[in-house]
Amino acid sequence: MEISNNIQKLRRVALLLFLVPAIAILGALLIHNYLVSFNYTKGLNYNIKGNPGSSIEFLCSEKNNYCDEIEKKFDEFNNLDECYMHEISKATFDENGKRIFFNTPDIRTYNGIFFFKITFTNQINESCILNSKSLKYYKIFPSYYETIYNI
């Protein structure tokens, strides 16, 4: 009797020694996959409505370093659910509205007036949590998502 009880205890311990690490490995794999695929961002707050077609223009001059540091004057949103639902297009245009493509050194030698324009497109912003199925979980556990974002 005593030997069969010891065998039963040994079987239980062996099963636990198998299950606990197996569950731990699967859990670690699931957490790793979630962290790697986490692509939500806060984005910059341009202080305009994020409707498609909305835009904001900046005159590029020597005062603002030819719009090189325009985005530094905007703050990042505080929470993940404050992002813009549509993609943002950034481009440089001349005074006639023609798009200009610059290499950084060429900006200073350009003769004429040009603008930096930020426009909201019709494309959905995939990195905005407002466009995902995770939004309902974010509403319940915002600190969880914010912590993962800050990692």
N, C-alpha and C. Protein backbone atom coordinates (compact mmCIF):
# COMPACT_ATOMS: atom_id res chain seq x y z
N MET A 1 0.82 -1.19 0.00
CA MET A 1 0.00 0.00 0.00
C MET A 1 0.86 1.26 0.00
N GLU A 2 1.89 1.23 0.82
CA GLU A 2 2.72 2.41 0.93
C GLU A 2 3.45 2.69 -0.38
N ILE A 3 3.85 1.64 -1.07
CA ILE A 3 4.55 1.81 -2.34
C ILE A 3 3.60 2.38 -3.39
N SER A 4 2.36 1.93 -3.43
CA SER A 4 1.40 2.44 -4.43
C SER A 4 1.06 3.90 -4.14
N ASN A 5 1.00 4.31 -2.87
CA ASN A 5 0.78 5.72 -2.53
C ASN A 5 1.97 6.57 -3.00
N ASN A 6 3.16 6.08 -2.78
CA ASN A 6 4.35 6.81 -3.23
C ASN A 6 4.37 6.93 -4.75
N ILE A 7 3.97 5.86 -5.44
CA ILE A 7 3.93 5.89 -6.90
C ILE A 7 2.90 6.92 -7.37
N GLN A 8 1.74 6.97 -6.71
CA GLN A 8 0.70 7.96 -7.06
C GLN A 8 1.21 9.39 -6.85
N LYS A 9 1.88 9.62 -5.73
CA LYS A 9 2.43 10.96 -5.45
C LYS A 9 3.49 11.32 -6.49
N LEU A 10 4.31 10.34 -6.83
CA LEU A 10 5.36 10.57 -7.82
C LEU A 10 4.76 10.90 -9.19
N ARG A 11 3.68 10.22 -9.56
CA ARG A 11 3.00 10.51 -10.82
C ARG A 11 2.44 11.93 -10.82
N ARG A 12 1.83 12.35 -9.73
CA ARG A 12 1.27 13.71 -9.64
C ARG A 12 2.38 14.76 -9.76
N VAL A 13 3.47 14.52 -9.04
CA VAL A 13 4.60 15.45 -9.09
C VAL A 13 5.17 15.50 -10.50
N ALA A 14 5.30 14.35 -11.15
CA ALA A 14 5.84 14.30 -12.51
C ALA A 14 4.92 15.05 -13.47
N LEU A 15 3.61 14.87 -13.30
CA LEU A 15 2.66 15.58 -14.16
C LEU A 15 2.76 17.09 -13.95
N LEU A 16 2.85 17.53 -12.69
CA LEU A 16 3.01 18.95 -12.40
C LEU A 16 4.33 19.49 -12.94
N LEU A 17 5.39 18.68 -12.82
CA LEU A 17 6.68 19.11 -13.34
C LEU A 17 6.66 19.24 -14.87
N PHE A 18 5.76 18.55 -15.51
CA PHE A 18 5.60 18.70 -16.96
C PHE A 18 4.67 19.86 -17.30
N LEU A 19 3.53 19.96 -16.62
CA LEU A 19 2.52 20.96 -16.97
C LEU A 19 2.95 22.39 -16.66
N VAL A 20 3.53 22.62 -15.51
CA VAL A 20 3.90 23.99 -15.11
C VAL A 20 4.88 24.61 -16.10
N PRO A 21 5.99 23.97 -16.46
CA PRO A 21 6.88 24.58 -17.46
C PRO A 21 6.24 24.70 -18.84
N ALA A 22 5.41 23.72 -19.22
CA ALA A 22 4.75 23.79 -20.53
C ALA A 22 3.81 24.99 -20.60
N ILE A 23 3.05 25.23 -19.54
CA ILE A 23 2.15 26.39 -19.50
C ILE A 23 2.96 27.68 -19.47
N ALA A 24 4.06 27.67 -18.73
CA ALA A 24 4.93 28.86 -18.66
C ALA A 24 5.52 29.18 -20.02
N ILE A 25 5.97 28.18 -20.75
CA ILE A 25 6.53 28.41 -22.09
C ILE A 25 5.47 28.94 -23.04
N LEU A 26 4.29 28.35 -23.02
CA LEU A 26 3.20 28.83 -23.88
C LEU A 26 2.79 30.26 -23.52
N GLY A 27 2.71 30.54 -22.24
CA GLY A 27 2.37 31.89 -21.80
C GLY A 27 3.41 32.91 -22.22
N ALA A 28 4.68 32.57 -22.06
CA ALA A 28 5.76 33.47 -22.47
C ALA A 28 5.73 33.69 -23.97
N LEU A 29 5.44 32.66 -24.74
CA LEU A 29 5.35 32.78 -26.20
C LEU A 29 4.19 33.69 -26.60
N LEU A 30 3.05 33.53 -25.97
CA LEU A 30 1.90 34.38 -26.27
C LEU A 30 2.17 35.84 -25.91
N ILE A 31 2.77 36.06 -24.75
CA ILE A 31 3.09 37.44 -24.34
C ILE A 31 4.12 38.05 -25.29
N HIS A 32 5.12 37.28 -25.68
CA HIS A 32 6.13 37.78 -26.61
C HIS A 32 5.51 38.15 -27.95
N ASN A 33 4.67 37.28 -28.48
CA ASN A 33 4.01 37.57 -29.76
C ASN A 33 3.14 38.81 -29.67
N TYR A 34 2.46 39.01 -28.57
CA TYR A 34 1.63 40.20 -28.41
C TYR A 34 2.49 41.46 -28.34
N LEU A 35 3.59 41.39 -27.59
CA LEU A 35 4.46 42.56 -27.47
C LEU A 35 5.11 42.92 -28.81
N VAL A 36 5.48 41.92 -29.57
CA VAL A 36 6.11 42.17 -30.86
C VAL A 36 5.11 42.75 -31.85
N SER A 37 3.87 42.31 -31.79
CA SER A 37 2.87 42.79 -32.75
C SER A 37 2.16 44.06 -32.27
N PHE A 38 2.47 44.55 -31.10
CA PHE A 38 1.84 45.76 -30.57
C PHE A 38 2.34 46.96 -31.36
N ASN A 39 1.46 47.60 -32.11
CA ASN A 39 1.89 48.69 -32.97
C ASN A 39 1.06 49.96 -32.79
N TYR A 40 0.43 50.12 -31.66
CA TYR A 40 -0.36 51.32 -31.43
C TYR A 40 0.56 52.47 -31.01
N THR A 41 0.30 53.63 -31.56
CA THR A 41 1.09 54.81 -31.22
C THR A 41 0.17 55.95 -30.84
N LYS A 42 0.71 56.91 -30.13
CA LYS A 42 -0.06 58.08 -29.72
C LYS A 42 -0.07 59.13 -30.82
N GLY A 43 1.04 59.37 -31.44
CA GLY A 43 1.12 60.37 -32.50
C GLY A 43 1.19 61.78 -31.93
N LEU A 44 1.42 62.72 -32.83
CA LEU A 44 1.53 64.12 -32.44
C LEU A 44 0.18 64.81 -32.53
N ASN A 45 -0.06 65.73 -31.63
CA ASN A 45 -1.30 66.50 -31.61
C ASN A 45 -1.08 67.78 -32.42
N TYR A 46 -1.63 67.83 -33.62
CA TYR A 46 -1.46 68.99 -34.49
C TYR A 46 -2.51 70.07 -34.23
N ASN A 47 -3.33 69.88 -33.24
CA ASN A 47 -4.34 70.87 -32.83
C ASN A 47 -5.32 71.21 -33.95
N ILE A 48 -5.65 70.25 -34.77
CA ILE A 48 -6.70 70.42 -35.78
C ILE A 48 -7.55 69.16 -35.78
N LYS A 49 -8.76 69.29 -36.32
CA LYS A 49 -9.63 68.12 -36.41
C LYS A 49 -9.04 67.15 -37.40
N GLY A 50 -9.11 65.89 -37.09
CA GLY A 50 -8.50 64.86 -37.93
C GLY A 50 -9.39 64.34 -39.02
N ASN A 51 -10.25 65.18 -39.57
CA ASN A 51 -11.13 64.74 -40.66
C ASN A 51 -10.36 64.66 -41.97
N PRO A 52 -10.71 63.70 -42.83
CA PRO A 52 -10.02 63.62 -44.12
C PRO A 52 -10.15 64.94 -44.89
N GLY A 53 -9.04 65.38 -45.41
CA GLY A 53 -9.00 66.64 -46.15
C GLY A 53 -8.57 67.82 -45.30
N SER A 54 -8.65 67.71 -43.99
CA SER A 54 -8.19 68.79 -43.12
C SER A 54 -6.69 68.92 -43.27
N SER A 55 -6.21 70.14 -43.24
CA SER A 55 -4.77 70.33 -43.38
C SER A 55 -4.32 71.58 -42.65
N ILE A 56 -3.02 71.67 -42.47
CA ILE A 56 -2.40 72.82 -41.85
C ILE A 56 -1.10 73.07 -42.60
N GLU A 57 -0.83 74.34 -42.89
CA GLU A 57 0.36 74.71 -43.65
C GLU A 57 1.27 75.61 -42.83
N PHE A 58 2.57 75.47 -43.09
CA PHE A 58 3.57 76.30 -42.44
C PHE A 58 4.47 76.89 -43.49
N LEU A 59 4.69 78.18 -43.41
CA LEU A 59 5.64 78.84 -44.30
C LEU A 59 7.05 78.50 -43.84
N CYS A 60 7.83 77.96 -44.72
CA CYS A 60 9.19 77.56 -44.37
C CYS A 60 10.14 78.71 -44.64
N SER A 61 10.91 79.06 -43.63
CA SER A 61 11.86 80.17 -43.75
C SER A 61 13.08 79.88 -42.87
N GLU A 62 13.99 80.81 -42.90
CA GLU A 62 15.18 80.64 -42.08
C GLU A 62 14.84 80.70 -40.59
N LYS A 63 13.76 81.43 -40.24
CA LYS A 63 13.35 81.55 -38.84
C LYS A 63 13.01 80.19 -38.22
N ASN A 64 12.34 79.35 -38.97
CA ASN A 64 11.96 78.04 -38.43
C ASN A 64 12.84 76.92 -39.00
N ASN A 65 14.06 77.31 -39.41
CA ASN A 65 15.04 76.35 -39.93
C ASN A 65 14.49 75.58 -41.12
N TYR A 66 13.75 76.30 -41.98
CA TYR A 66 13.16 75.75 -43.19
C TYR A 66 12.28 74.54 -42.89
N CYS A 67 11.47 74.69 -41.86
CA CYS A 67 10.48 73.68 -41.44
C CYS A 67 11.12 72.37 -40.99
N ASP A 68 12.39 72.39 -40.74
CA ASP A 68 13.09 71.18 -40.31
C ASP A 68 12.65 70.74 -38.92
N GLU A 69 12.27 71.69 -38.08
CA GLU A 69 11.92 71.37 -36.70
C GLU A 69 10.47 71.69 -36.39
N ILE A 70 9.62 71.73 -37.41
CA ILE A 70 8.20 72.06 -37.21
C ILE A 70 7.54 71.06 -36.27
N GLU A 71 7.80 69.79 -36.46
CA GLU A 71 7.11 68.78 -35.66
C GLU A 71 7.54 68.79 -34.20
N LYS A 72 8.67 69.39 -33.90
CA LYS A 72 9.13 69.44 -32.52
C LYS A 72 8.29 70.38 -31.67
N LYS A 73 7.55 71.28 -32.31
CA LYS A 73 6.73 72.20 -31.53
C LYS A 73 5.37 71.62 -31.17
N PHE A 74 5.06 70.43 -31.68
CA PHE A 74 3.81 69.76 -31.34
C PHE A 74 4.08 68.72 -30.26
N ASP A 75 3.14 68.59 -29.35
CA ASP A 75 3.26 67.61 -28.27
C ASP A 75 2.62 66.29 -28.68
N GLU A 76 3.10 65.23 -28.07
CA GLU A 76 2.51 63.92 -28.28
C GLU A 76 1.21 63.84 -27.48
N PHE A 77 0.22 63.11 -28.00
CA PHE A 77 -1.00 62.89 -27.24
C PHE A 77 -0.67 62.21 -25.92
N ASN A 78 -1.50 62.42 -24.91
CA ASN A 78 -1.25 61.84 -23.60
C ASN A 78 -1.65 60.37 -23.51
N ASN A 79 -2.72 59.99 -24.22
CA ASN A 79 -3.23 58.62 -24.13
C ASN A 79 -3.32 58.00 -25.52
N LEU A 80 -3.34 56.68 -25.56
CA LEU A 80 -3.42 55.98 -26.83
C LEU A 80 -4.75 56.22 -27.54
N ASP A 81 -5.82 56.50 -26.81
CA ASP A 81 -7.13 56.70 -27.46
C ASP A 81 -7.36 58.13 -27.92
N GLU A 82 -6.33 58.95 -27.94
CA GLU A 82 -6.45 60.32 -28.43
C GLU A 82 -5.83 60.48 -29.82
N CYS A 83 -5.49 59.40 -30.46
CA CYS A 83 -4.81 59.45 -31.76
C CYS A 83 -5.78 59.86 -32.87
N TYR A 84 -5.20 60.19 -34.02
CA TYR A 84 -6.01 60.52 -35.20
C TYR A 84 -6.40 59.24 -35.92
N MET A 85 -7.67 59.14 -36.33
CA MET A 85 -8.17 57.93 -36.95
C MET A 85 -7.72 57.78 -38.41
N HIS A 86 -7.26 58.85 -39.02
CA HIS A 86 -6.83 58.80 -40.42
C HIS A 86 -5.33 59.05 -40.53
N GLU A 87 -4.75 58.50 -41.58
CA GLU A 87 -3.32 58.68 -41.85
C GLU A 87 -3.00 60.14 -42.13
N ILE A 88 -1.77 60.51 -41.87
CA ILE A 88 -1.31 61.87 -42.08
C ILE A 88 -0.30 61.88 -43.21
N SER A 89 -0.48 62.81 -44.14
CA SER A 89 0.46 62.99 -45.24
C SER A 89 1.22 64.28 -45.01
N LYS A 90 2.55 64.22 -45.14
CA LYS A 90 3.38 65.40 -44.96
C LYS A 90 4.13 65.65 -46.25
N ALA A 91 4.06 66.88 -46.74
CA ALA A 91 4.70 67.19 -48.01
C ALA A 91 5.10 68.66 -48.05
N THR A 92 5.99 68.98 -48.97
CA THR A 92 6.46 70.34 -49.18
C THR A 92 5.95 70.82 -50.53
N PHE A 93 5.39 72.04 -50.55
CA PHE A 93 4.83 72.61 -51.77
C PHE A 93 5.40 74.00 -52.00
N ASP A 94 5.46 74.39 -53.28
CA ASP A 94 5.87 75.77 -53.58
C ASP A 94 4.64 76.68 -53.54
N GLU A 95 4.82 77.96 -53.85
CA GLU A 95 3.70 78.92 -53.75
C GLU A 95 2.60 78.65 -54.77
N ASN A 96 2.87 77.86 -55.81
CA ASN A 96 1.86 77.51 -56.81
C ASN A 96 1.14 76.21 -56.48
N GLY A 97 1.50 75.58 -55.39
CA GLY A 97 0.86 74.33 -54.98
C GLY A 97 1.50 73.09 -55.58
N LYS A 98 2.62 73.26 -56.25
CA LYS A 98 3.33 72.12 -56.84
C LYS A 98 4.21 71.47 -55.77
N ARG A 99 4.14 70.16 -55.71
CA ARG A 99 4.90 69.43 -54.70
C ARG A 99 6.40 69.50 -55.02
N ILE A 100 7.19 69.69 -53.97
CA ILE A 100 8.64 69.79 -54.11
C ILE A 100 9.26 68.68 -53.28
N PHE A 101 10.26 68.03 -53.88
CA PHE A 101 11.00 67.00 -53.15
C PHE A 101 12.40 67.53 -52.89
N PHE A 102 12.77 67.53 -51.61
CA PHE A 102 14.05 68.10 -51.19
C PHE A 102 14.94 67.06 -50.56
N ASN A 103 16.22 67.22 -50.79
CA ASN A 103 17.22 66.62 -49.92
C ASN A 103 17.56 67.73 -48.93
N THR A 104 17.91 67.39 -47.73
CA THR A 104 18.12 68.40 -46.70
C THR A 104 19.07 69.53 -47.10
N PRO A 105 20.21 69.28 -47.75
CA PRO A 105 21.08 70.41 -48.11
C PRO A 105 20.47 71.33 -49.18
N ASP A 106 19.57 70.80 -50.02
CA ASP A 106 18.99 71.59 -51.10
C ASP A 106 18.00 72.65 -50.61
N ILE A 107 17.48 72.51 -49.42
CA ILE A 107 16.47 73.43 -48.91
C ILE A 107 17.01 74.85 -48.83
N ARG A 108 18.18 75.02 -48.35
CA ARG A 108 18.75 76.35 -48.15
C ARG A 108 19.05 77.07 -49.47
N THR A 109 19.23 76.33 -50.53
CA THR A 109 19.56 76.96 -51.81
C THR A 109 18.34 77.17 -52.71
N TYR A 110 17.16 76.76 -52.23
CA TYR A 110 15.95 76.92 -53.05
C TYR A 110 15.57 78.40 -53.14
N ASN A 111 15.37 78.89 -54.36
CA ASN A 111 14.96 80.28 -54.56
C ASN A 111 13.45 80.33 -54.72
N GLY A 112 12.78 80.80 -53.72
CA GLY A 112 11.33 80.90 -53.75
C GLY A 112 10.73 80.57 -52.41
N ILE A 113 9.43 80.72 -52.35
CA ILE A 113 8.69 80.46 -51.12
C ILE A 113 8.17 79.03 -51.17
N PHE A 114 8.27 78.32 -50.06
CA PHE A 114 7.68 76.98 -50.01
C PHE A 114 7.05 76.74 -48.65
N PHE A 115 6.12 75.79 -48.63
CA PHE A 115 5.32 75.49 -47.46
C PHE A 115 5.45 74.01 -47.10
N PHE A 116 5.34 73.75 -45.82
CA PHE A 116 5.25 72.38 -45.32
C PHE A 116 3.78 72.15 -44.98
N LYS A 117 3.18 71.12 -45.55
CA LYS A 117 1.75 70.90 -45.38
C LYS A 117 1.50 69.53 -44.76
N ILE A 118 0.66 69.53 -43.73
CA ILE A 118 0.24 68.30 -43.07
C ILE A 118 -1.23 68.10 -43.40
N THR A 119 -1.57 66.99 -44.05
CA THR A 119 -2.94 66.74 -44.51
C THR A 119 -3.41 65.39 -44.00
N PHE A 120 -4.68 65.32 -43.62
CA PHE A 120 -5.28 64.05 -43.21
C PHE A 120 -5.89 63.39 -44.45
N THR A 121 -5.50 62.14 -44.69
CA THR A 121 -5.95 61.41 -45.87
C THR A 121 -7.20 60.60 -45.55
N ASN A 122 -7.71 59.88 -46.54
CA ASN A 122 -8.86 59.01 -46.35
C ASN A 122 -8.47 57.64 -45.80
N GLN A 123 -7.18 57.35 -45.77
CA GLN A 123 -6.72 56.05 -45.30
C GLN A 123 -6.85 55.94 -43.78
N ILE A 124 -7.23 54.77 -43.34
CA ILE A 124 -7.38 54.50 -41.91
C ILE A 124 -5.99 54.34 -41.29
N ASN A 125 -5.80 54.95 -40.14
CA ASN A 125 -4.54 54.86 -39.40
C ASN A 125 -4.53 53.56 -38.61
N GLU A 126 -3.77 52.58 -39.09
CA GLU A 126 -3.73 51.27 -38.44
C GLU A 126 -3.06 51.32 -37.07
N SER A 127 -2.25 52.32 -36.82
CA SER A 127 -1.55 52.40 -35.53
C SER A 127 -2.36 53.16 -34.48
N CYS A 128 -3.59 53.51 -34.80
CA CYS A 128 -4.49 54.17 -33.85
C CYS A 128 -5.40 53.12 -33.21
N ILE A 129 -5.42 53.09 -31.91
CA ILE A 129 -6.21 52.07 -31.22
C ILE A 129 -7.72 52.28 -31.42
N LEU A 130 -8.12 53.48 -31.83
CA LEU A 130 -9.54 53.74 -32.08
C LEU A 130 -10.06 52.94 -33.27
N ASN A 131 -9.17 52.48 -34.15
CA ASN A 131 -9.54 51.71 -35.33
C ASN A 131 -9.37 50.21 -35.13
N SER A 132 -9.18 49.76 -33.92
CA SER A 132 -8.90 48.34 -33.69
C SER A 132 -9.97 47.70 -32.81
N LYS A 133 -9.91 46.38 -32.79
CA LYS A 133 -10.82 45.62 -31.94
C LYS A 133 -10.41 45.71 -30.47
N SER A 134 -9.19 46.15 -30.22
CA SER A 134 -8.69 46.25 -28.84
C SER A 134 -9.24 47.45 -28.09
N LEU A 135 -9.99 48.30 -28.76
CA LEU A 135 -10.49 49.52 -28.10
C LEU A 135 -11.38 49.20 -26.90
N LYS A 136 -12.24 48.18 -27.03
CA LYS A 136 -13.13 47.85 -25.91
C LYS A 136 -12.33 47.37 -24.69
N TYR A 137 -11.21 46.67 -24.94
CA TYR A 137 -10.37 46.24 -23.83
C TYR A 137 -9.56 47.41 -23.28
N TYR A 138 -9.18 48.33 -24.16
CA TYR A 138 -8.45 49.52 -23.71
C TYR A 138 -9.32 50.35 -22.78
N LYS A 139 -10.61 50.44 -23.07
CA LYS A 139 -11.53 51.21 -22.21
C LYS A 139 -11.60 50.61 -20.80
N ILE A 140 -11.45 49.29 -20.70
CA ILE A 140 -11.52 48.61 -19.40
C ILE A 140 -10.18 48.65 -18.68
N PHE A 141 -9.09 48.39 -19.43
CA PHE A 141 -7.74 48.33 -18.84
C PHE A 141 -6.78 49.29 -19.55
N PRO A 142 -6.99 50.60 -19.43
CA PRO A 142 -6.09 51.52 -20.15
C PRO A 142 -4.65 51.46 -19.65
N SER A 143 -4.45 51.22 -18.37
CA SER A 143 -3.08 51.21 -17.84
C SER A 143 -2.26 50.05 -18.42
N TYR A 144 -2.91 48.94 -18.73
CA TYR A 144 -2.23 47.80 -19.34
C TYR A 144 -1.64 48.20 -20.69
N TYR A 145 -2.46 48.81 -21.54
CA TYR A 145 -2.01 49.21 -22.88
C TYR A 145 -0.98 50.34 -22.81
N GLU A 146 -1.18 51.27 -21.90
CA GLU A 146 -0.22 52.37 -21.76
C GLU A 146 1.14 51.86 -21.30
N THR A 147 1.13 50.87 -20.41
CA THR A 147 2.38 50.28 -19.94
C THR A 147 3.11 49.58 -21.07
N ILE A 148 2.37 48.81 -21.87
CA ILE A 148 3.00 48.12 -23.00
C ILE A 148 3.53 49.13 -23.99
N TYR A 149 2.81 50.22 -24.22
CA TYR A 149 3.29 51.28 -25.13
C TYR A 149 4.60 51.87 -24.63
N ASN A 150 4.71 52.06 -23.34
CA ASN A 150 5.91 52.69 -22.75
C ASN A 150 7.10 51.75 -22.68
N ILE A 151 6.88 50.46 -22.91
CA ILE A 151 8.00 49.48 -22.88
C ILE A 151 8.84 49.72 -24.05
